[in-house]
Structure formats: structure tokens, C-alpha cells
Amino acid sequence: MKRFRDEWIDEWCRENGWTDLFIERCCNYWAFPPSSVMPLPIPNKILREIKAAKGMSDDEKLWSLAAVAISCLASICCFILKNPLPITCAFGVVAFIVGQLEIEEF
């Protein structure tokens, strides 16, 4: 799941003089600092500040909406069927989604 939009990181790089941004893999951003000949990873502190300022990425919003929709659908099915199995399955799926939404230490 992408935690950041590439535009957010690119915007920060342009504002702070970092050049040639590239993404090694999801959430690993590298660029050349000002007056440098070797690329460095974007500092974790900066990534946290960007995340705090910009909020949830598009992927995170989509997954959150899916979790709410699954919960509502399972609640309705549980009521109609008079059976707790749909809400139990939904709990497992939503727990997985919430686990993916947790921000790990970079």
C-alpha cells in the first residue's frame, strides 16, 4: 500500500533543492541532496512530517472505505440471515485492512 503520493515527495524535493527523485520500492524514496554527488534516502523525519501535513493517500482512503463498506454489508447480512458468520468473517477482513493501514517505523 502506498503511504505517500509521489507528488508530495516531489514537491518537497523541489522546495528543498533535492534533485532526481527515484523510488527504490514502496516508501523508499531517494534523491540527491543540494550540492551532493551521491543520492540519499529522504529522511524518515521528513516523511513523517509530509504524512502529518498531507493526510491519507489515495490507496489508504480506498482501503478505509472498503473496510467500512464490508462492515456495513456484513451487518446487514447478519441481521437478514440471523447468523453471526458474516460479521465474523468481516471482522477478519477488516482486521487485516486495519493492520495494513498501521504506519510502521521507517
N, C-alpha and C. Protein backbone atom coordinates (compact mmCIF):
# COMPACT_ATOMS: atom_id res chain seq x y z
N MET A 1 0.85 -1.17 0.00
CA MET A 1 0.00 0.00 0.00
C MET A 1 0.90 1.24 0.00
N LYS A 2 0.61 2.13 -0.90
CA LYS A 2 1.39 3.37 -0.97
C LYS A 2 0.96 4.32 0.13
N ARG A 3 1.90 4.72 0.95
CA ARG A 3 1.63 5.64 2.05
C ARG A 3 1.69 7.11 1.61
N PHE A 4 2.41 7.37 0.55
CA PHE A 4 2.62 8.74 0.08
C PHE A 4 2.29 8.82 -1.40
N ARG A 5 1.81 9.96 -1.81
CA ARG A 5 1.68 10.22 -3.24
C ARG A 5 3.04 10.72 -3.72
N ASP A 6 3.43 10.30 -4.90
CA ASP A 6 4.72 10.71 -5.44
C ASP A 6 4.82 12.22 -5.59
N GLU A 7 3.69 12.85 -5.84
CA GLU A 7 3.68 14.31 -5.98
C GLU A 7 4.08 15.00 -4.68
N TRP A 8 3.68 14.44 -3.54
CA TRP A 8 4.02 15.03 -2.24
C TRP A 8 5.54 15.06 -2.06
N ILE A 9 6.17 13.92 -2.34
CA ILE A 9 7.62 13.81 -2.15
C ILE A 9 8.34 14.70 -3.17
N ASP A 10 7.86 14.69 -4.42
CA ASP A 10 8.47 15.52 -5.45
C ASP A 10 8.35 17.00 -5.11
N GLU A 11 7.22 17.39 -4.57
CA GLU A 11 7.03 18.79 -4.15
C GLU A 11 8.02 19.17 -3.06
N TRP A 12 8.20 18.29 -2.08
CA TRP A 12 9.16 18.57 -1.00
C TRP A 12 10.58 18.68 -1.57
N CYS A 13 10.91 17.79 -2.49
CA CYS A 13 12.25 17.82 -3.08
C CYS A 13 12.50 19.13 -3.82
N ARG A 14 11.52 19.59 -4.60
CA ARG A 14 11.68 20.84 -5.32
C ARG A 14 11.83 22.02 -4.37
N GLU A 15 11.06 22.01 -3.28
CA GLU A 15 11.12 23.12 -2.31
C GLU A 15 12.45 23.17 -1.57
N ASN A 16 13.07 22.01 -1.37
CA ASN A 16 14.29 21.95 -0.56
C ASN A 16 15.55 21.71 -1.37
N GLY A 17 15.47 21.76 -2.69
CA GLY A 17 16.67 21.67 -3.52
C GLY A 17 17.17 20.26 -3.78
N TRP A 18 16.42 19.25 -3.44
CA TRP A 18 16.83 17.87 -3.73
C TRP A 18 16.45 17.59 -5.18
N THR A 19 17.28 16.82 -5.88
CA THR A 19 17.04 16.57 -7.30
C THR A 19 17.00 15.09 -7.61
N ASP A 20 16.50 14.77 -8.80
CA ASP A 20 16.47 13.41 -9.35
C ASP A 20 15.84 12.39 -8.40
N LEU A 21 14.64 12.65 -7.98
CA LEU A 21 13.92 11.74 -7.10
C LEU A 21 13.67 10.41 -7.81
N PHE A 22 13.93 9.31 -7.12
CA PHE A 22 13.53 8.00 -7.63
C PHE A 22 13.06 7.14 -6.47
N ILE A 23 12.21 6.18 -6.80
CA ILE A 23 11.58 5.33 -5.79
C ILE A 23 12.17 3.93 -5.92
N GLU A 24 12.87 3.51 -4.89
CA GLU A 24 13.50 2.19 -4.92
C GLU A 24 12.43 1.11 -4.85
N ARG A 25 11.54 1.22 -3.90
CA ARG A 25 10.35 0.37 -3.77
C ARG A 25 9.37 1.17 -2.94
N CYS A 26 8.23 0.63 -2.68
CA CYS A 26 7.19 1.37 -1.96
C CYS A 26 7.74 1.98 -0.67
N CYS A 27 7.60 3.27 -0.53
CA CYS A 27 8.00 4.04 0.66
C CYS A 27 9.50 4.18 0.84
N ASN A 28 10.30 3.88 -0.17
CA ASN A 28 11.74 4.14 -0.14
C ASN A 28 12.07 5.15 -1.22
N TYR A 29 12.20 6.39 -0.81
CA TYR A 29 12.44 7.49 -1.73
C TYR A 29 13.88 7.96 -1.61
N TRP A 30 14.54 8.12 -2.75
CA TRP A 30 15.92 8.56 -2.79
C TRP A 30 16.02 9.77 -3.70
N ALA A 31 16.94 10.67 -3.36
CA ALA A 31 17.20 11.84 -4.19
C ALA A 31 18.58 12.38 -3.86
N PHE A 32 19.04 13.29 -4.70
CA PHE A 32 20.33 13.94 -4.47
C PHE A 32 20.11 15.19 -3.64
N PRO A 33 20.70 15.26 -2.45
CA PRO A 33 20.60 16.49 -1.66
C PRO A 33 21.32 17.63 -2.37
N PRO A 34 21.08 18.87 -1.93
CA PRO A 34 21.78 20.00 -2.54
C PRO A 34 23.30 19.83 -2.46
N SER A 35 23.98 20.12 -3.55
CA SER A 35 25.45 20.06 -3.64
C SER A 35 26.01 18.68 -3.31
N SER A 36 25.31 17.64 -3.71
CA SER A 36 25.76 16.28 -3.41
C SER A 36 25.93 15.50 -4.70
N VAL A 37 26.85 14.54 -4.67
CA VAL A 37 27.07 13.69 -5.83
C VAL A 37 26.58 12.26 -5.58
N MET A 38 26.02 12.03 -4.41
CA MET A 38 25.54 10.70 -4.05
C MET A 38 24.10 10.79 -3.55
N PRO A 39 23.20 9.96 -4.09
CA PRO A 39 21.82 10.04 -3.61
C PRO A 39 21.68 9.50 -2.19
N LEU A 40 20.77 10.09 -1.46
CA LEU A 40 20.48 9.66 -0.09
C LEU A 40 18.99 9.41 0.04
N PRO A 41 18.60 8.54 0.97
CA PRO A 41 17.16 8.37 1.20
C PRO A 41 16.57 9.64 1.81
N ILE A 42 15.31 9.90 1.48
CA ILE A 42 14.63 11.04 2.11
C ILE A 42 14.53 10.70 3.60
N PRO A 43 14.93 11.61 4.48
CA PRO A 43 14.94 11.30 5.93
C PRO A 43 13.55 10.91 6.45
N ASN A 44 13.53 9.97 7.38
CA ASN A 44 12.28 9.48 7.97
C ASN A 44 11.50 10.60 8.64
N LYS A 45 12.21 11.50 9.28
CA LYS A 45 11.55 12.63 9.94
C LYS A 45 10.76 13.45 8.92
N ILE A 46 11.35 13.67 7.77
CA ILE A 46 10.69 14.43 6.71
C ILE A 46 9.47 13.68 6.19
N LEU A 47 9.60 12.37 6.01
CA LEU A 47 8.46 11.56 5.54
C LEU A 47 7.31 11.63 6.54
N ARG A 48 7.63 11.58 7.83
CA ARG A 48 6.57 11.69 8.85
C ARG A 48 5.90 13.06 8.82
N GLU A 49 6.69 14.11 8.61
CA GLU A 49 6.13 15.46 8.53
C GLU A 49 5.22 15.62 7.31
N ILE A 50 5.64 15.05 6.19
CA ILE A 50 4.81 15.10 4.98
C ILE A 50 3.50 14.36 5.21
N LYS A 51 3.60 13.20 5.84
CA LYS A 51 2.40 12.40 6.11
C LYS A 51 1.45 13.13 7.05
N ALA A 52 1.99 13.78 8.07
CA ALA A 52 1.16 14.53 9.01
C ALA A 52 0.48 15.72 8.33
N ALA A 53 1.18 16.35 7.41
CA ALA A 53 0.62 17.52 6.73
C ALA A 53 -0.39 17.15 5.65
N LYS A 54 -0.14 16.09 4.93
CA LYS A 54 -0.97 15.75 3.78
C LYS A 54 -2.10 14.77 4.09
N GLY A 55 -1.97 13.97 5.14
CA GLY A 55 -3.04 13.03 5.49
C GLY A 55 -2.92 11.70 4.77
N MET A 56 -4.07 11.11 4.50
CA MET A 56 -4.10 9.77 3.91
C MET A 56 -3.89 9.83 2.40
N SER A 57 -3.19 8.82 1.89
CA SER A 57 -3.01 8.72 0.44
C SER A 57 -4.28 8.15 -0.19
N ASP A 58 -4.32 8.13 -1.50
CA ASP A 58 -5.49 7.61 -2.21
C ASP A 58 -5.72 6.13 -1.89
N ASP A 59 -4.63 5.35 -1.83
CA ASP A 59 -4.76 3.93 -1.50
C ASP A 59 -5.35 3.73 -0.10
N GLU A 60 -4.86 4.52 0.85
CA GLU A 60 -5.36 4.40 2.22
C GLU A 60 -6.84 4.77 2.31
N LYS A 61 -7.25 5.80 1.58
CA LYS A 61 -8.65 6.19 1.57
C LYS A 61 -9.52 5.09 0.98
N LEU A 62 -9.05 4.49 -0.11
CA LEU A 62 -9.80 3.41 -0.75
C LEU A 62 -9.96 2.21 0.17
N TRP A 63 -8.88 1.80 0.83
CA TRP A 63 -8.95 0.66 1.73
C TRP A 63 -9.81 0.96 2.95
N SER A 64 -9.77 2.18 3.44
CA SER A 64 -10.63 2.55 4.58
C SER A 64 -12.10 2.50 4.19
N LEU A 65 -12.40 3.00 3.01
CA LEU A 65 -13.78 2.95 2.52
C LEU A 65 -14.23 1.51 2.32
N ALA A 66 -13.35 0.67 1.82
CA ALA A 66 -13.68 -0.75 1.65
C ALA A 66 -13.96 -1.41 2.99
N ALA A 67 -13.20 -1.07 4.02
CA ALA A 67 -13.42 -1.65 5.35
C ALA A 67 -14.79 -1.26 5.90
N VAL A 68 -15.15 0.00 5.71
CA VAL A 68 -16.47 0.46 6.18
C VAL A 68 -17.58 -0.24 5.40
N ALA A 69 -17.42 -0.35 4.08
CA ALA A 69 -18.44 -1.00 3.25
C ALA A 69 -18.59 -2.47 3.62
N ILE A 70 -17.49 -3.16 3.84
CA ILE A 70 -17.55 -4.57 4.24
C ILE A 70 -18.26 -4.72 5.57
N SER A 71 -17.96 -3.85 6.50
CA SER A 71 -18.60 -3.92 7.83
C SER A 71 -20.10 -3.69 7.73
N CYS A 72 -20.51 -2.70 6.95
CA CYS A 72 -21.94 -2.41 6.80
C CYS A 72 -22.66 -3.56 6.10
N LEU A 73 -22.06 -4.06 5.03
CA LEU A 73 -22.67 -5.17 4.31
C LEU A 73 -22.79 -6.42 5.19
N ALA A 74 -21.76 -6.70 5.95
CA ALA A 74 -21.79 -7.86 6.84
C ALA A 74 -22.84 -7.69 7.94
N SER A 75 -23.00 -6.47 8.44
CA SER A 75 -24.01 -6.22 9.47
C SER A 75 -25.41 -6.45 8.92
N ILE A 76 -25.65 -5.99 7.72
CA ILE A 76 -26.96 -6.20 7.09
C ILE A 76 -27.21 -7.68 6.84
N CYS A 77 -26.22 -8.37 6.31
CA CYS A 77 -26.36 -9.82 6.06
C CYS A 77 -26.58 -10.58 7.36
N CYS A 78 -25.89 -10.17 8.40
CA CYS A 78 -26.04 -10.81 9.70
C CYS A 78 -27.46 -10.65 10.23
N PHE A 79 -28.03 -9.48 10.05
CA PHE A 79 -29.39 -9.21 10.51
C PHE A 79 -30.41 -10.00 9.67
N ILE A 80 -30.25 -10.01 8.35
CA ILE A 80 -31.19 -10.70 7.48
C ILE A 80 -31.13 -12.21 7.68
N LEU A 81 -29.94 -12.76 7.75
CA LEU A 81 -29.76 -14.21 7.87
C LEU A 81 -29.91 -14.71 9.30
N LYS A 82 -29.89 -13.78 10.27
CA LYS A 82 -29.92 -14.14 11.69
C LYS A 82 -28.83 -15.17 12.02
N ASN A 83 -27.64 -14.82 11.53
CA ASN A 83 -26.50 -15.69 11.68
C ASN A 83 -25.26 -14.81 11.89
N PRO A 84 -24.42 -15.12 12.87
CA PRO A 84 -23.25 -14.26 13.14
C PRO A 84 -22.05 -14.50 12.22
N LEU A 85 -22.14 -15.47 11.32
CA LEU A 85 -20.99 -15.80 10.48
C LEU A 85 -20.54 -14.64 9.57
N PRO A 86 -21.45 -13.89 8.92
CA PRO A 86 -20.96 -12.79 8.06
C PRO A 86 -20.17 -11.74 8.83
N ILE A 87 -20.62 -11.38 10.02
CA ILE A 87 -19.90 -10.35 10.77
C ILE A 87 -18.57 -10.89 11.29
N THR A 88 -18.51 -12.18 11.54
CA THR A 88 -17.26 -12.80 11.99
C THR A 88 -16.23 -12.78 10.87
N CYS A 89 -16.66 -13.11 9.66
CA CYS A 89 -15.76 -13.07 8.51
C CYS A 89 -15.33 -11.64 8.22
N ALA A 90 -16.26 -10.72 8.32
CA ALA A 90 -15.94 -9.31 8.08
C ALA A 90 -14.93 -8.81 9.09
N PHE A 91 -15.04 -9.26 10.33
CA PHE A 91 -14.08 -8.85 11.36
C PHE A 91 -12.67 -9.24 10.94
N GLY A 92 -12.51 -10.45 10.43
CA GLY A 92 -11.18 -10.90 9.99
C GLY A 92 -10.64 -10.07 8.85
N VAL A 93 -11.49 -9.77 7.87
CA VAL A 93 -11.06 -8.98 6.72
C VAL A 93 -10.70 -7.55 7.15
N VAL A 94 -11.55 -6.95 7.96
CA VAL A 94 -11.31 -5.57 8.41
C VAL A 94 -10.08 -5.51 9.31
N ALA A 95 -9.87 -6.52 10.13
CA ALA A 95 -8.66 -6.55 10.97
C ALA A 95 -7.41 -6.58 10.10
N PHE A 96 -7.44 -7.31 9.01
CA PHE A 96 -6.31 -7.34 8.09
C PHE A 96 -6.09 -5.96 7.47
N ILE A 97 -7.18 -5.31 7.04
CA ILE A 97 -7.08 -3.98 6.43
C ILE A 97 -6.51 -2.97 7.43
N VAL A 98 -7.00 -3.00 8.65
CA VAL A 98 -6.51 -2.07 9.67
C VAL A 98 -5.03 -2.32 9.94
N GLY A 99 -4.63 -3.58 9.95
CA GLY A 99 -3.21 -3.90 10.13
C GLY A 99 -2.35 -3.32 9.02
N GLN A 100 -2.87 -3.33 7.79
CA GLN A 100 -2.13 -2.76 6.67
C GLN A 100 -2.07 -1.24 6.74
N LEU A 101 -3.09 -0.64 7.35
CA LEU A 101 -3.11 0.83 7.46
C LEU A 101 -2.18 1.35 8.55
N GLU A 102 -1.75 0.50 9.47
CA GLU A 102 -0.83 0.93 10.52
C GLU A 102 0.47 1.40 9.90
N ILE A 103 0.96 2.49 10.39
CA ILE A 103 2.22 3.04 9.88
C ILE A 103 3.36 2.42 10.64
N GLU A 104 4.17 1.64 9.93
CA GLU A 104 5.32 1.01 10.55
C GLU A 104 6.43 2.04 10.69
N GLU A 105 7.36 1.74 11.54
CA GLU A 105 8.52 2.63 11.71
C GLU A 105 9.38 2.49 10.47
N PHE A 106 9.72 3.60 9.88
CA PHE A 106 10.51 3.62 8.67
C PHE A 106 11.94 3.29 8.96
